[in-house]
Amino acid sequence: MTGKIQSEDWSLIIKGHTSLFDVKFKDLWNYRDLLFLFVKRDFISFYKQTVLGPLWFFIQPLFTTLVFTFVFGNLAKISTDGLPQQLFYLSGITAWNYFSDCLSKTSTVFRDNAAIFGKVYFPRLIMPLSIVVSNLVRFVVQLLLLVIMMAYFAVQGANFHMTYAILFFPFLVILMALLGLGMGLIITAMTTKYRDLSFLVTFGVQLLMYGTTVIYPLSSAPAKYKAIIELNPMTGIIEAFRYAFLGKGEFTLWSISYSVIVTIIVLFLGIIIFNKTEKNFVDTI
């Protein structure tokens, strides 16, 4: 009987214990249709039964920009590197929102999808990947708002310009996505044992934003804190993003190389830890 089973040509073999490095990237490609179904589900369910629907894509960054302009620009008088305050804050918010959404929503993958994971097989990594892709739609819409704002201020004669770094824009988007994905995978794996972490994610992401150059330029950061701020891999990405679109920011080979190295390490650890946890998380969650 055993010989007969082994001789059959199975299209899929599910094993309970495999290597940590057995990620099965081929399965991810084979299940690409499921990926797009999850993306569609996320997009529809998030705005179902809302009055304004996708308009919230515009409203959230617009209102956040207005609040930042009033609080940090007008009251605190924080420098914006000579850029119009609305453009400075909106550029940072647009980049940060994509990263933080990827991180926050990926960090609850196991908890939010325990029922699905426990009933049917599919490559578990499909779920967090679908979150990254669905958030990309929101990012593109918010990027459109930034472009519209840039056109408005250009007509007003504001002093800013696009630079050659715009060619690196797709690369910067990939970096933001992979960094958020990697960090989210680590957190979601840890929350299967330590539930308290899920309560700290939102608070932690908010604190991390203040350690990134979203509301202030790196050039105006106090010298004694500048090195600490540069340790945040999102700092180099946001500075490069702002330099690409507005011509202001510290875009250097070192800062981008550092962000790339940290992203690769975090993503590698995230996939390994996620791959280990998904094999038995149903028993602990």
Protein backbone atom coordinates (compact mmCIF):
# COMPACT_ATOMS: atom_id res chain seq x y z
CA MET A 1 0.00 0.00 0.00
CA THR A 2 2.82 2.40 0.92
CA GLY A 3 4.62 1.73 -2.36
CA LYS A 4 1.44 2.39 -4.28
CA ILE A 5 0.92 5.76 -2.60
CA GLN A 6 4.52 6.81 -3.18
CA SER A 7 4.30 5.88 -6.85
CA GLU A 8 1.29 8.11 -7.47
CA ASP A 9 1.85 11.54 -8.93
CA TRP A 10 0.40 14.02 -6.44
CA SER A 11 0.06 17.68 -7.38
CA LEU A 12 0.27 18.77 -3.73
CA ILE A 13 1.85 17.12 -0.70
CA ILE A 14 1.29 18.71 2.72
CA LYS A 15 3.89 17.87 5.36
CA GLY A 16 3.58 18.63 9.06
CA HIS A 17 7.28 19.21 9.76
CA THR A 18 9.55 20.87 7.22
CA SER A 19 12.69 22.97 7.27
CA LEU A 20 12.58 26.58 8.48
CA PHE A 21 13.92 27.63 5.09
CA ASP A 22 11.28 25.68 3.15
CA VAL A 23 9.15 28.71 2.20
CA LYS A 24 7.65 27.22 -1.00
CA PHE A 25 7.86 30.30 -3.19
CA LYS A 26 6.58 28.20 -6.09
CA ASP A 27 3.29 27.70 -4.21
CA LEU A 28 2.96 31.48 -3.87
CA TRP A 29 3.02 31.79 -7.64
CA ASN A 30 0.60 28.91 -8.11
CA TYR A 31 -1.84 30.57 -5.72
CA ARG A 32 -1.57 34.04 -7.29
CA ASP A 33 -5.30 34.03 -8.12
CA LEU A 34 -6.04 33.64 -4.41
CA LEU A 35 -3.77 36.59 -3.72
CA PHE A 36 -5.86 38.86 -5.91
CA LEU A 37 -9.07 37.52 -4.39
CA PHE A 38 -7.80 38.49 -0.94
CA VAL A 39 -6.85 41.94 -2.26
CA LYS A 40 -10.35 42.39 -3.64
CA ARG A 41 -11.85 41.18 -0.36
CA ASP A 42 -9.79 43.62 1.70
CA PHE A 43 -10.69 46.54 -0.53
CA ILE A 44 -14.42 45.81 -0.55
CA SER A 45 -14.83 44.85 3.12
CA PHE A 46 -12.90 47.85 4.42
CA TYR A 47 -15.24 50.39 2.80
CA LYS A 48 -18.44 48.37 2.81
CA GLN A 49 -21.39 50.30 4.27
CA THR A 50 -19.43 53.56 4.39
CA VAL A 51 -21.01 56.73 3.01
CA LEU A 52 -17.87 58.21 1.41
CA GLY A 53 -16.20 54.92 0.44
CA PRO A 54 -12.81 55.31 -1.26
CA LEU A 55 -12.92 59.07 -0.65
CA TRP A 56 -11.49 58.25 2.76
CA PHE A 57 -8.25 57.60 0.89
CA PHE A 58 -8.09 61.37 0.32
CA ILE A 59 -9.73 62.58 3.52
CA GLN A 60 -7.40 60.90 6.02
CA PRO A 61 -4.06 62.27 4.69
CA LEU A 62 -5.64 65.66 3.93
CA PHE A 63 -6.94 66.16 7.47
CA THR A 64 -3.71 64.82 8.97
CA THR A 65 -1.77 67.33 6.87
CA LEU A 66 -3.98 70.19 8.07
CA VAL A 67 -3.51 69.16 11.70
CA PHE A 68 0.27 68.83 11.30
CA THR A 69 0.40 72.22 9.57
CA PHE A 70 -1.47 73.88 12.43
CA VAL A 71 0.29 72.12 15.32
CA PHE A 72 3.85 71.57 14.12
CA GLY A 73 4.08 74.30 11.48
CA ASN A 74 2.18 77.24 12.97
CA LEU A 75 2.31 76.58 16.72
CA ALA A 76 5.60 74.74 17.18
CA LYS A 77 7.28 76.57 14.27
CA ILE A 78 9.21 73.48 13.20
CA SER A 79 11.29 73.96 10.04
CA THR A 80 10.12 72.39 6.78
CA ASP A 81 13.38 72.97 4.87
CA GLY A 82 11.93 75.95 3.01
CA LEU A 83 9.14 73.86 1.48
CA PRO A 84 5.44 74.76 1.70
CA GLN A 85 4.24 73.21 4.94
CA GLN A 86 1.37 71.29 3.34
CA LEU A 87 3.67 69.70 0.76
CA PHE A 88 6.30 68.83 3.34
CA TYR A 89 3.86 67.09 5.68
CA LEU A 90 1.81 65.41 2.96
CA SER A 91 4.90 63.87 1.36
CA GLY A 92 5.97 62.39 4.69
CA ILE A 93 2.45 61.23 5.55
CA THR A 94 2.00 59.53 2.16
CA ALA A 95 5.16 57.46 2.52
CA TRP A 96 4.66 56.76 6.23
CA ASN A 97 1.02 55.67 5.82
CA TYR A 98 1.97 52.95 3.35
CA PHE A 99 4.70 51.56 5.60
CA SER A 100 2.63 51.77 8.79
CA ASP A 101 -0.44 50.19 7.15
CA CYS A 102 1.66 47.27 5.89
CA LEU A 103 3.17 46.81 9.34
CA SER A 104 -0.03 47.24 11.40
CA LYS A 105 -2.30 45.05 9.31
CA THR A 106 0.31 42.34 8.76
CA SER A 107 0.98 42.21 12.51
CA THR A 108 -2.50 40.76 13.14
CA VAL A 109 -2.60 38.21 10.31
CA PHE A 110 -2.65 35.12 12.53
CA ARG A 111 -5.21 36.53 14.94
CA ASP A 112 -7.55 37.88 12.25
CA ASN A 113 -7.45 34.80 10.02
CA ALA A 114 -7.24 31.95 12.53
CA ALA A 115 -10.56 30.51 11.31
CA ILE A 116 -9.41 30.35 7.68
CA PHE A 117 -5.95 29.04 8.50
CA GLY A 118 -7.42 26.24 10.59
CA LYS A 119 -9.75 24.92 7.89
CA VAL A 120 -8.05 24.98 4.50
CA TYR A 121 -4.52 24.78 3.12
CA PHE A 122 -2.91 27.53 1.09
CA PRO A 123 0.51 29.20 1.41
CA ARG A 124 0.05 31.30 4.56
CA LEU A 125 2.40 33.96 3.24
CA ILE A 126 -0.28 34.79 0.65
CA MET A 127 -2.29 36.58 3.34
CA PRO A 128 0.32 39.18 4.42
CA LEU A 129 1.35 39.64 0.78
CA SER A 130 -2.26 40.47 -0.10
CA ILE A 131 -2.23 43.15 2.61
CA VAL A 132 0.87 44.76 1.09
CA VAL A 133 -0.72 44.76 -2.38
CA SER A 134 -4.11 46.08 -1.22
CA ASN A 135 -2.39 48.89 0.71
CA LEU A 136 -0.55 49.76 -2.50
CA VAL A 137 -3.89 50.82 -4.02
CA ARG A 138 -4.41 53.26 -1.15
CA PHE A 139 -0.84 54.52 -1.51
CA VAL A 140 -1.31 55.25 -5.22
CA VAL A 141 -4.49 57.24 -4.51
CA GLN A 142 -2.75 59.27 -1.80
CA LEU A 143 0.21 59.79 -4.12
CA LEU A 144 -2.23 61.28 -6.62
CA LEU A 145 -3.31 63.74 -3.92
CA LEU A 146 0.33 64.70 -3.40
CA VAL A 147 0.79 65.29 -7.15
CA ILE A 148 -2.35 67.46 -7.25
CA MET A 149 -1.04 69.48 -4.29
CA MET A 150 2.33 69.84 -6.01
CA ALA A 151 0.65 71.16 -9.16
CA TYR A 152 -1.30 73.69 -7.09
CA PHE A 153 1.78 75.04 -5.31
CA ALA A 154 3.75 75.06 -8.57
CA VAL A 155 1.13 77.41 -10.03
CA GLN A 156 1.49 79.53 -6.88
CA GLY A 157 5.23 79.82 -7.56
CA ALA A 158 6.46 77.72 -4.61
CA ASN A 159 10.16 76.83 -4.55
CA PHE A 160 10.45 73.07 -5.10
CA HIS A 161 11.28 70.73 -7.97
CA MET A 162 11.55 67.05 -8.82
CA THR A 163 15.02 65.57 -9.00
CA TYR A 164 16.76 62.65 -10.71
CA ALA A 165 15.99 60.57 -7.61
CA ILE A 166 12.44 60.15 -8.94
CA LEU A 167 13.90 57.27 -10.97
CA PHE A 168 14.37 55.41 -7.68
CA PHE A 169 10.72 55.88 -6.72
CA PRO A 170 9.60 52.27 -7.50
CA PHE A 171 12.58 51.01 -5.52
CA LEU A 172 11.61 53.17 -2.52
CA VAL A 173 8.04 51.83 -2.63
CA ILE A 174 9.35 48.24 -2.64
CA LEU A 175 11.60 49.05 0.33
CA MET A 176 8.69 50.48 2.33
CA ALA A 177 6.52 47.47 1.51
CA LEU A 178 9.15 44.86 2.38
CA LEU A 179 10.22 46.61 5.58
CA GLY A 180 6.61 46.85 6.78
CA LEU A 181 5.99 43.26 5.72
CA GLY A 182 9.06 41.93 7.52
CA MET A 183 8.33 43.75 10.77
CA GLY A 184 4.67 42.73 10.61
CA LEU A 185 5.57 39.06 10.11
CA ILE A 186 7.81 39.09 13.17
CA ILE A 187 5.15 40.74 15.33
CA THR A 188 2.28 38.52 14.19
CA ALA A 189 4.35 35.42 14.93
CA MET A 190 5.18 36.69 18.41
CA THR A 191 1.56 37.59 19.21
CA THR A 192 0.54 33.93 18.99
CA LYS A 193 2.30 33.50 22.35
CA TYR A 194 2.39 37.04 23.69
CA ARG A 195 -1.04 38.57 23.12
CA ASP A 196 -0.06 41.87 24.79
CA LEU A 197 2.06 42.78 21.76
CA SER A 198 -1.06 43.32 19.65
CA PHE A 199 -2.10 46.17 21.96
CA LEU A 200 1.29 47.83 21.64
CA VAL A 201 1.48 47.84 17.84
CA THR A 202 -0.67 50.93 17.20
CA PHE A 203 1.00 52.84 20.03
CA GLY A 204 4.45 51.70 18.94
CA VAL A 205 3.93 52.68 15.30
CA GLN A 206 2.80 56.14 16.40
CA LEU A 207 5.93 56.58 18.51
CA LEU A 208 8.11 55.31 15.67
CA MET A 209 6.67 58.03 13.42
CA TYR A 210 8.07 60.71 15.73
CA GLY A 211 11.44 59.01 15.42
CA THR A 212 11.22 59.39 11.65
CA THR A 213 11.46 62.56 9.57
CA VAL A 214 7.74 62.84 8.88
CA ILE A 215 7.08 66.09 10.78
CA TYR A 216 10.58 67.55 10.65
CA PRO A 217 13.53 67.42 8.22
CA LEU A 218 16.68 65.54 9.16
CA SER A 219 18.67 68.74 8.59
CA SER A 220 16.90 70.45 11.51
CA ALA A 221 17.25 67.55 13.96
CA PRO A 222 19.49 68.31 16.99
CA ALA A 223 23.02 67.00 16.47
CA LYS A 224 22.89 64.77 19.56
CA TYR A 225 19.74 63.01 18.30
CA LYS A 226 20.52 62.92 14.58
CA ALA A 227 22.48 59.66 14.73
CA ILE A 228 19.61 57.99 16.61
CA ILE A 229 17.06 59.19 14.07
CA GLU A 230 19.23 57.88 11.24
CA LEU A 231 19.16 54.41 12.84
CA ASN A 232 15.49 54.24 11.85
CA PRO A 233 15.55 52.67 8.36
CA MET A 234 12.43 54.62 7.38
CA THR A 235 14.30 57.90 7.84
CA GLY A 236 16.50 57.32 4.80
CA ILE A 237 13.51 56.18 2.74
CA ILE A 238 11.35 59.19 3.58
CA GLU A 239 14.23 61.61 3.07
CA ALA A 240 14.87 60.06 -0.37
CA PHE A 241 11.13 60.13 -1.17
CA ARG A 242 10.93 63.83 -0.27
CA TYR A 243 14.10 64.63 -2.20
CA ALA A 244 12.77 62.84 -5.28
CA PHE A 245 9.47 64.75 -5.39
CA LEU A 246 10.32 68.09 -3.78
CA GLY A 247 14.09 68.50 -4.09
CA LYS A 248 14.68 68.73 -0.33
CA GLY A 249 16.07 66.01 1.91
CA GLU A 250 19.28 64.11 2.61
CA PHE A 251 19.46 61.51 -0.16
CA THR A 252 22.77 59.66 0.14
CA LEU A 253 24.12 56.30 -0.91
CA TRP A 254 24.87 55.46 2.72
CA SER A 255 21.34 56.18 3.98
CA ILE A 256 19.69 54.11 1.25
CA SER A 257 22.23 51.28 1.58
CA TYR A 258 21.57 51.16 5.32
CA SER A 259 17.80 50.99 4.74
CA VAL A 260 18.28 48.20 2.18
CA ILE A 261 20.47 46.14 4.54
CA VAL A 262 18.06 46.50 7.47
CA THR A 263 15.09 45.68 5.22
CA ILE A 264 16.74 42.49 3.92
CA ILE A 265 17.62 41.34 7.44
CA VAL A 266 14.17 42.12 8.87
CA LEU A 267 12.38 40.48 5.92
CA PHE A 268 14.55 37.36 6.13
CA LEU A 269 13.94 37.00 9.87
CA GLY A 270 10.24 37.74 9.39
CA ILE A 271 9.75 35.02 6.77
CA ILE A 272 11.73 32.45 8.79
CA ILE A 273 9.84 33.18 12.03
CA PHE A 274 6.49 33.30 10.22
CA ASN A 275 7.28 30.01 8.45
CA LYS A 276 8.11 28.35 11.77
CA THR A 277 5.05 29.71 13.60
CA GLU A 278 2.42 28.98 10.94
CA LYS A 279 3.02 25.24 11.25
CA ASN A 280 1.53 25.04 14.74
CA PHE A 281 0.04 28.41 15.62
CA VAL A 282 -3.52 26.99 15.54
CA ASP A 283 -2.68 25.07 18.72
CA THR A 284 -1.57 28.19 20.60
CA ILE A 285 -3.71 31.10 19.35
